[in-house]
Structures are given as C-alpha cells and as structure tokens.
Amino acid sequence: MNTRSRVIVLTATAVLLAALAVAYTVSRGAEPAPAEGRTSGDETADGRRLQFLTNGRLSYTSPPRSRRVTPVECDRAYAAAGTVACLRPVGALSAGALVVMDAGLHQRRRVPLTGFPNRLRVSPSGRMVAWTLFIDGHSYATTGFSTRAGVLDTRTGRLVTSLEDFAITKDGAPYRNRDVNLWGITFAADDNRFYATLSTGGGRYLVQGDFAAGTVRTLAPNVECPSLSPDGTHLAFKSAIAGDPKRGWRLSTLDLATLKTAPLGETRSVDDQPVWLDAHTIAYTLQLSDGTNQTWTVPASGLGKPQLLLNNASSVSPIPAPVQSARTGGQHRQSQADPRP
C-alpha cells in the first residue's frame, strides 16, 4: 500500500471513530440526568419507600433502586399519612416558611417563619406538624443559642408559634425562666400528647406535653430530640456525652414505662433527631467533613452495627405509598411539584 492509500485509510478510520463517539455521546445524553429526576445504585437494598432531601431537594426512592429528585427545595422535610411538610430555606432576599403539601406536592398551607430551619416532624396521622427554628446560634453544642418550636394543627387550623407560651412543670413544680428553650417535638398517635426537649439553667430535659391543655412537664434529664416509636412505647434520642454537648452526642432509646435507657450501636456523634423507619430500625443523618450528608440506620435493639442507607441524603422519613411523578417529556412540571406561589 502506497503512502497516499495509507493516508486515505487512516483518514477514513478517524472519521468513522469520531462518528461512533458522537453517536455514543448522543445516546448517553438521552438518559435522564440526576438533576432531572433519577440517580441509581445507592438506594435501599430492601426496597423501602422513603422521602428525603438530596442537596436540599425533596427526593423519593422509587424501586428498583432508583432515586427521584423533585424541584421542591427544603432545608428540612418530613412526611406521614399523605402530609408532606417542608421548611423553606432562608435566602438573602427571602424569609423562611413552613409549607404543608399533600402527597402530590400540592400546597395546602403556608406559614411564614423567622429563623433558621432545624427540626421538623409530622404526626403519624398526618394532622400535626411540628418544627424547630434557630433564632440565635446554629448549634446545640454552643452557649447562648435560642430556639423557637411551633405546632400547626392542620385539621383545626390552630397555630402555636412558640411552645414557650405553654405552662411548664419542672420536677413537679410550676416553672418559668427567661432562658427556657424547647425543641425537637415528636407527636403520639392521639395527636395531643407529644415529647420534646427543654433546656434551662444549664440542663436539658425530656418533657411530655399536652397540646390541648397547653402544658409540658419534665420526665428525665439529658434527653434531646426525641422520636416516638411506632407503638408509642419507646423514644429514640440523642444525649450529650457526660452531659456536655461540646463532647458530642450518642444515640439511645428510652423505655417510657420504666424511663430506662439503652445505648444503640452507633458510637459516632450524631446531632440529629432520629427517625423510626419501622419498629426495629432507627435512621439518622451524619455529615461528612466535606459537608456531604449520609443517612445511616441502626437496629433499635442495640445489638447490631450501623449500616449506610443512603448517600447524599438527609431528613429521611418512611412513606407508605408511591408519590406520583410530575414529569412530562423528561422534565418536572413545576406547577405540580413546587408549592411556591
């Protein structure tokens, strides 16, 4: 083969390879990108249906082993019995808000709020929505922080903007102090009894509340961010190591009948309000040094070891039924998925 023939063959080969590369790129580009709705390979192996946040966007596991990311932005989120609650992020030109949606992510109620989103829960029936905001400070390990915890009854419309207005009974006696903070609410199945954290005088306490009566009373010391089990008999919570939040927190459970505590298998510091995925499994968020969130689980029995549930995920909650996708032609329909007016 002469030199000219070789050049022609090499040129033709290069053109063919380039065409194949372009075709491959186009075919890959037709796959849905993560920002448009799906990622794969890191979801729950047991097929759990979960709601959670991916980089601040409301997301859902959709078996088999895929993740659907919506355009709905939240700093904290939670769902139960068809009620989806979202604490809107605070922006440079916008205040925060609580947005309550139905299972199709259509807005039902919006409550303007002042403060930085911290905790959020929906009662098992979907009726009561409870949240915590930081008013001053951004960590429970620092001194001088201030919180505001509120509750919305979605059935009656009753709105309590601060639990600090409730009558407090501490160690069996009426109590009032300007340094009182309350946070981390979890509701019982009756939509009236609830549990939360009270801090005052340098101590932190588990309190039981009566929403209708507007009262709370202390039950046990060094219990923070409680989460009530599905059967209502136990609380999962975090407790400061040796009573000092600057040393971090450990996860434990508390038997409400005996007030006895039992440590869980997670020995790393967890600054989160844990979630019962079912009667035997507790989930929580850990943040890596680069700011990435991971959701982990640990057996409620205290006998097992932690297991990674979801990468790049926070604010997890179990959901009983699929949430319908609002995608058309590969894109989310903003009017259905985003409750912002």
Protein backbone atom coordinates (compact mmCIF):
# COMPACT_ATOMS: atom_id res chain seq x y z
CA MET A 1 0.00 0.00 0.00
CA ASN A 2 1.49 3.35 -1.00
CA THR A 3 1.67 6.43 1.18
CA ARG A 4 -1.42 8.06 -0.32
CA SER A 5 -3.51 4.92 0.26
CA ARG A 6 -2.37 4.73 3.84
CA VAL A 7 -3.39 8.36 4.42
CA ILE A 8 -6.83 7.71 2.90
CA VAL A 9 -7.37 4.63 5.08
CA LEU A 10 -6.24 6.41 8.26
CA THR A 11 -8.45 9.40 7.49
CA ALA A 12 -11.49 7.20 6.87
CA THR A 13 -10.84 5.28 10.10
CA ALA A 14 -10.58 8.51 12.11
CA VAL A 15 -13.85 9.78 10.64
CA LEU A 16 -15.60 6.51 11.49
CA LEU A 17 -14.33 6.51 15.09
CA ALA A 18 -15.42 10.13 15.54
CA ALA A 19 -18.88 9.30 14.24
CA LEU A 20 -19.15 6.38 16.65
CA ALA A 21 -18.05 8.60 19.54
CA VAL A 22 -20.68 11.21 18.67
CA ALA A 23 -23.37 8.54 18.43
CA TYR A 24 -22.38 7.13 21.84
CA THR A 25 -22.43 10.59 23.41
CA VAL A 26 -25.87 11.34 22.00
CA SER A 27 -27.23 8.03 23.22
CA ARG A 28 -25.82 8.67 26.72
CA GLY A 29 -27.23 12.18 26.69
CA ALA A 30 -30.71 10.75 26.22
CA GLU A 31 -30.55 9.17 29.69
CA PRO A 32 -32.20 11.24 32.45
CA ALA A 33 -29.66 13.30 34.39
CA PRO A 34 -29.71 13.21 38.21
CA ALA A 35 -30.94 16.81 38.43
CA GLU A 36 -33.89 15.92 36.25
CA GLY A 37 -35.06 13.13 38.42
CA ARG A 38 -33.13 9.87 38.69
CA THR A 39 -29.92 8.52 40.12
CA SER A 40 -29.14 4.87 40.67
CA GLY A 41 -27.01 2.47 42.63
CA ASP A 42 -27.13 3.85 46.20
CA GLU A 43 -30.73 3.33 47.27
CA THR A 44 -32.09 0.92 49.85
CA ALA A 45 -31.45 -2.71 49.06
CA ASP A 46 -34.64 -3.82 50.82
CA GLY A 47 -36.89 -1.68 48.61
CA ARG A 48 -38.04 0.74 51.31
CA ARG A 49 -40.04 3.70 50.07
CA LEU A 50 -38.54 6.82 51.61
CA GLN A 51 -38.77 10.58 51.35
CA PHE A 52 -35.57 12.56 51.94
CA LEU A 53 -33.53 15.53 50.75
CA THR A 54 -30.83 15.42 48.06
CA ASN A 55 -28.79 18.63 48.13
CA GLY A 56 -31.81 20.41 49.56
CA ARG A 57 -34.33 18.99 47.06
CA LEU A 58 -37.23 16.76 48.01
CA SER A 59 -36.50 13.22 46.79
CA TYR A 60 -38.01 9.75 46.81
CA THR A 61 -36.77 6.23 46.45
CA SER A 62 -38.51 4.51 43.56
CA PRO A 63 -37.76 0.78 43.28
CA PRO A 64 -35.96 -0.85 41.69
CA ARG A 65 -33.04 1.00 43.33
CA SER A 66 -33.53 4.46 41.89
CA ARG A 67 -33.93 7.98 43.22
CA ARG A 68 -36.35 10.62 42.01
CA VAL A 69 -35.35 14.21 42.73
CA THR A 70 -38.02 16.91 42.52
CA PRO A 71 -37.53 20.69 42.12
CA VAL A 72 -39.05 21.32 45.59
CA GLU A 73 -36.44 22.99 47.81
CA CYS A 74 -36.43 22.43 51.58
CA ASP A 75 -33.95 22.79 54.43
CA ARG A 76 -35.88 20.16 56.40
CA ALA A 77 -38.67 17.83 55.31
CA TYR A 78 -40.90 15.13 56.73
CA ALA A 79 -43.94 13.14 55.58
CA ALA A 80 -46.63 10.98 57.18
CA ALA A 81 -50.07 9.75 56.14
CA GLY A 82 -50.21 11.88 52.98
CA THR A 83 -48.99 15.10 54.63
CA VAL A 84 -45.66 16.46 53.39
CA ALA A 85 -44.05 19.24 55.44
CA CYS A 86 -41.19 21.41 54.18
CA LEU A 87 -39.21 24.13 55.93
CA ARG A 88 -38.21 26.55 53.21
CA PRO A 89 -34.59 27.74 53.19
CA VAL A 90 -33.85 31.30 54.23
CA GLY A 91 -32.37 33.33 51.39
CA ALA A 92 -30.63 36.69 51.17
CA LEU A 93 -33.87 38.29 49.95
CA SER A 94 -36.43 35.86 51.35
CA ALA A 95 -37.62 34.73 54.76
CA GLY A 96 -38.27 31.14 55.67
CA ALA A 97 -41.64 29.42 55.75
CA LEU A 98 -43.38 26.20 56.62
CA VAL A 99 -45.11 24.73 53.57
CA VAL A 100 -47.60 21.90 54.08
CA MET A 101 -48.41 19.82 50.99
CA ASP A 102 -50.43 16.75 50.10
CA ALA A 103 -48.89 13.55 48.74
CA GLY A 104 -48.95 15.03 45.23
CA LEU A 105 -46.89 18.00 46.49
CA HIS A 106 -49.76 20.48 46.08
CA GLN A 107 -49.62 23.28 48.64
CA ARG A 108 -52.28 23.19 51.40
CA ARG A 109 -50.90 25.77 53.85
CA ARG A 110 -48.01 28.21 54.07
CA VAL A 111 -46.85 29.74 57.35
CA PRO A 112 -44.19 32.50 57.24
CA LEU A 113 -41.44 31.88 59.82
CA THR A 114 -38.46 33.81 61.16
CA GLY A 115 -35.36 31.79 61.97
CA PHE A 116 -33.19 29.03 60.53
CA PRO A 117 -34.80 25.60 59.98
CA ASN A 118 -33.59 22.90 62.35
CA ARG A 119 -36.13 20.13 63.14
CA LEU A 120 -39.40 19.04 61.54
CA ARG A 121 -41.95 16.32 62.24
CA VAL A 122 -45.45 15.25 61.14
CA SER A 123 -47.63 13.19 63.50
CA PRO A 124 -48.44 9.59 62.43
CA SER A 125 -51.95 10.61 61.32
CA GLY A 126 -50.61 13.48 59.19
CA ARG A 127 -52.59 16.01 61.22
CA MET A 128 -50.00 17.74 63.42
CA VAL A 129 -46.89 19.45 62.01
CA ALA A 130 -44.16 20.48 64.47
CA TRP A 131 -40.95 22.37 63.77
CA THR A 132 -37.93 23.98 65.44
CA LEU A 133 -36.02 27.05 64.30
CA PHE A 134 -32.75 28.55 65.48
CA ILE A 135 -33.34 32.20 66.35
CA ASP A 136 -29.80 32.79 67.63
CA GLY A 137 -26.88 30.45 67.04
CA HIS A 138 -26.72 27.37 64.81
CA SER A 139 -25.68 24.55 67.13
CA TYR A 140 -26.92 22.89 70.33
CA ALA A 141 -23.27 22.50 71.39
CA THR A 142 -22.77 26.25 71.78
CA THR A 143 -23.87 28.53 74.58
CA GLY A 144 -26.26 31.40 74.07
CA PHE A 145 -28.32 29.76 71.32
CA SER A 146 -32.06 30.37 71.14
CA THR A 147 -34.75 28.23 69.54
CA ARG A 148 -38.43 28.56 68.74
CA ALA A 149 -40.62 25.48 68.40
CA GLY A 150 -44.10 25.64 66.88
CA VAL A 151 -47.03 23.39 66.02
CA LEU A 152 -49.75 23.55 63.36
CA ASP A 153 -52.96 21.56 63.67
CA THR A 154 -53.83 21.06 60.01
CA ARG A 155 -57.37 19.93 60.86
CA THR A 156 -58.48 22.84 63.06
CA GLY A 157 -56.00 25.43 61.80
CA ARG A 158 -54.72 26.14 65.32
CA LEU A 159 -51.22 27.59 65.11
CA VAL A 160 -48.86 27.71 68.10
CA THR A 161 -45.83 29.76 67.10
CA SER A 162 -43.87 29.08 70.30
CA LEU A 163 -44.12 26.26 72.83
CA GLU A 164 -42.51 28.60 75.35
CA ASP A 165 -46.01 30.00 75.91
CA PHE A 166 -47.08 26.64 77.39
CA ALA A 167 -47.20 26.20 81.18
CA ILE A 168 -44.11 24.33 82.38
CA THR A 169 -43.90 21.91 85.29
CA LYS A 170 -40.31 21.08 86.26
CA ASP A 171 -39.63 18.41 88.88
CA GLY A 172 -43.27 18.54 89.95
CA ALA A 173 -43.49 22.33 90.44
CA PRO A 174 -44.56 25.20 88.18
CA TYR A 175 -41.55 26.73 86.47
CA ARG A 176 -40.75 29.82 84.47
CA ASN A 177 -37.39 31.21 83.40
CA ARG A 178 -36.28 33.57 80.65
CA ASP A 179 -33.62 31.11 79.45
CA VAL A 180 -36.12 28.37 78.53
CA ASN A 181 -35.73 26.79 75.10
CA LEU A 182 -37.80 23.97 73.62
CA TRP A 183 -37.04 21.90 70.52
CA GLY A 184 -37.28 18.53 68.81
CA ILE A 185 -41.02 17.71 69.01
CA THR A 186 -42.48 14.25 68.34
CA PHE A 187 -46.24 13.51 68.49
CA ALA A 188 -48.07 10.44 69.74
CA ALA A 189 -50.82 8.71 67.77
CA ASP A 190 -53.59 10.63 69.57
CA ASP A 191 -52.35 13.95 68.06
CA ASN A 192 -52.36 15.53 71.53
CA ARG A 193 -49.57 14.02 73.63
CA PHE A 194 -46.09 14.96 72.49
CA TYR A 195 -42.48 14.82 73.64
CA ALA A 196 -39.75 17.44 73.25
CA THR A 197 -36.52 18.80 74.73
CA LEU A 198 -36.45 21.59 77.31
CA SER A 199 -33.27 23.41 78.19
CA THR A 200 -32.91 25.75 81.17
CA GLY A 201 -30.37 26.56 83.86
CA GLY A 202 -27.65 24.66 82.04
CA GLY A 203 -29.64 21.40 81.99
CA ARG A 204 -31.55 19.59 79.23
CA TYR A 205 -34.66 17.53 79.89
CA LEU A 206 -37.20 15.33 78.19
CA VAL A 207 -40.68 16.82 78.54
CA GLN A 208 -44.10 15.37 77.87
CA GLY A 209 -46.67 17.81 76.55
CA ASP A 210 -50.43 18.11 76.32
CA PHE A 211 -51.26 20.17 73.23
CA ALA A 212 -54.93 20.78 74.09
CA ALA A 213 -54.10 21.85 77.66
CA GLY A 214 -51.03 23.88 76.66
CA THR A 215 -48.73 22.23 79.21
CA VAL A 216 -45.37 20.43 79.39
CA ARG A 217 -43.73 18.57 82.29
CA THR A 218 -40.23 17.19 82.72
CA LEU A 219 -39.73 13.41 82.68
CA ALA A 220 -35.97 12.70 82.52
CA PRO A 221 -32.64 14.56 82.21
CA ASN A 222 -30.18 14.61 79.28
CA VAL A 223 -32.66 13.58 76.58
CA GLU A 224 -32.63 15.58 73.34
CA CYS A 225 -34.51 15.40 70.05
CA PRO A 226 -36.82 12.51 70.98
CA SER A 227 -38.56 10.38 68.37
CA LEU A 228 -41.51 8.19 69.36
CA SER A 229 -41.57 4.55 68.22
CA PRO A 230 -44.46 3.33 66.05
CA ASP A 231 -46.05 1.51 69.02
CA GLY A 232 -45.63 4.52 71.32
CA THR A 233 -43.64 2.65 73.97
CA HIS A 234 -40.08 3.90 73.36
CA LEU A 235 -38.22 7.03 72.38
CA ALA A 236 -35.07 7.18 70.29
CA PHE A 237 -32.99 10.22 71.20
CA LYS A 238 -29.54 11.77 71.39
CA SER A 239 -27.82 12.52 74.69
CA ALA A 240 -24.76 14.64 75.34
CA ILE A 241 -21.67 12.66 76.27
CA ALA A 242 -21.14 13.06 80.04
CA GLY A 243 -23.81 15.77 79.87
CA ASP A 244 -21.53 18.03 77.81
CA PRO A 245 -22.79 18.80 74.26
CA LYS A 246 -19.32 20.06 73.29
CA ARG A 247 -18.14 16.44 73.52
CA GLY A 248 -20.83 15.30 71.07
CA TRP A 249 -23.91 13.08 71.33
CA ARG A 250 -24.72 9.37 71.42
CA LEU A 251 -27.92 7.70 70.27
CA SER A 252 -30.01 5.70 72.75
CA THR A 253 -33.56 4.51 73.35
CA LEU A 254 -35.74 5.13 76.37
CA ASP A 255 -38.49 2.84 77.69
CA LEU A 256 -41.36 5.18 78.57
CA ALA A 257 -42.80 2.73 81.13
CA THR A 258 -39.60 2.47 83.17
CA LEU A 259 -37.59 5.51 81.93
CA LYS A 260 -34.61 3.17 81.48
CA THR A 261 -32.22 3.98 78.64
CA ALA A 262 -30.22 1.66 76.37
CA PRO A 263 -27.39 2.76 74.06
CA LEU A 264 -27.57 1.98 70.35
CA GLY A 265 -24.81 0.51 68.21
CA GLU A 266 -23.79 3.86 66.69
CA THR A 267 -20.75 5.23 68.57
CA ARG A 268 -20.12 8.29 66.40
CA SER A 269 -21.50 11.66 67.44
CA VAL A 270 -24.98 12.19 65.96
CA ASP A 271 -26.52 15.67 66.03
CA ASP A 272 -29.90 14.79 64.58
CA GLN A 273 -33.45 13.87 65.56
CA PRO A 274 -33.56 10.14 64.79
CA VAL A 275 -36.39 8.52 62.82
CA TRP A 276 -38.06 5.15 63.30
CA LEU A 277 -38.28 3.59 59.83
CA ASP A 278 -40.18 0.70 61.42
CA ALA A 279 -40.47 -0.94 64.84
CA HIS A 280 -36.93 -2.31 64.62
CA THR A 281 -34.90 0.23 62.63
CA ILE A 282 -33.75 3.75 63.51
CA ALA A 283 -32.34 6.16 60.91
CA TYR A 284 -30.30 9.34 61.31
CA THR A 285 -28.10 11.73 59.34
CA LEU A 286 -24.35 12.10 59.63
CA GLN A 287 -22.48 14.91 57.90
CA LEU A 288 -19.04 14.24 56.42
CA SER A 289 -16.16 16.69 56.75
CA ASP A 290 -16.83 18.00 53.22
CA GLY A 291 -20.46 18.79 54.11
CA THR A 292 -22.00 15.77 52.36
CA ASN A 293 -24.90 14.17 54.22
CA GLN A 294 -25.34 10.43 54.65
CA THR A 295 -28.32 8.60 56.14
CA TRP A 296 -27.48 5.61 58.31
CA THR A 297 -29.56 3.03 60.18
CA VAL A 298 -29.01 1.07 63.37
CA PRO A 299 -31.15 -1.66 65.00
CA ALA A 300 -33.39 -0.39 67.79
CA SER A 301 -32.42 -3.43 69.86
CA GLY A 302 -28.94 -2.01 70.41
CA LEU A 303 -27.35 -5.27 69.27
CA GLY A 304 -26.49 -4.52 65.64
CA LYS A 305 -23.99 -2.28 63.87
CA PRO A 306 -24.70 0.88 61.84
CA GLN A 307 -25.40 0.43 58.13
CA LEU A 308 -25.27 3.07 55.39
CA LEU A 309 -28.78 3.52 53.99
CA LEU A 310 -28.45 6.42 51.52
CA ASN A 311 -25.60 8.54 50.23
CA ASN A 312 -26.14 12.27 49.81
CA ALA A 313 -29.38 12.21 51.80
CA SER A 314 -30.86 13.85 54.90
CA SER A 315 -34.28 14.46 56.51
CA VAL A 316 -35.43 10.92 55.81
CA SER A 317 -38.95 9.69 56.55
CA PRO A 318 -40.78 6.48 55.59
CA ILE A 319 -43.71 6.81 53.19
CA PRO A 320 -46.44 4.16 52.86
CA ALA A 321 -47.30 4.63 49.18
CA PRO A 322 -45.67 5.84 45.95
CA VAL A 323 -45.73 9.54 45.14
CA GLN A 324 -46.70 10.07 41.51
CA SER A 325 -44.04 11.58 39.32
CA ALA A 326 -44.78 15.02 37.87
CA ARG A 327 -42.58 14.59 34.82
CA THR A 328 -43.57 15.22 31.24
CA GLY A 329 -41.13 14.71 28.39
CA GLY A 330 -38.24 14.18 30.83
CA GLN A 331 -38.93 17.39 32.79
CA HIS A 332 -40.74 18.02 36.09
CA ARG A 333 -43.85 20.14 35.86
CA GLN A 334 -43.07 22.97 38.27
CA SER A 335 -46.72 23.83 38.88
CA GLN A 336 -47.41 20.41 40.35
CA ALA A 337 -44.14 19.69 42.11
CA ASP A 338 -43.24 23.08 43.59
CA PRO A 339 -45.74 24.57 46.06
CA ARG A 340 -44.30 28.07 45.96
CA PRO A 341 -46.95 30.57 44.83
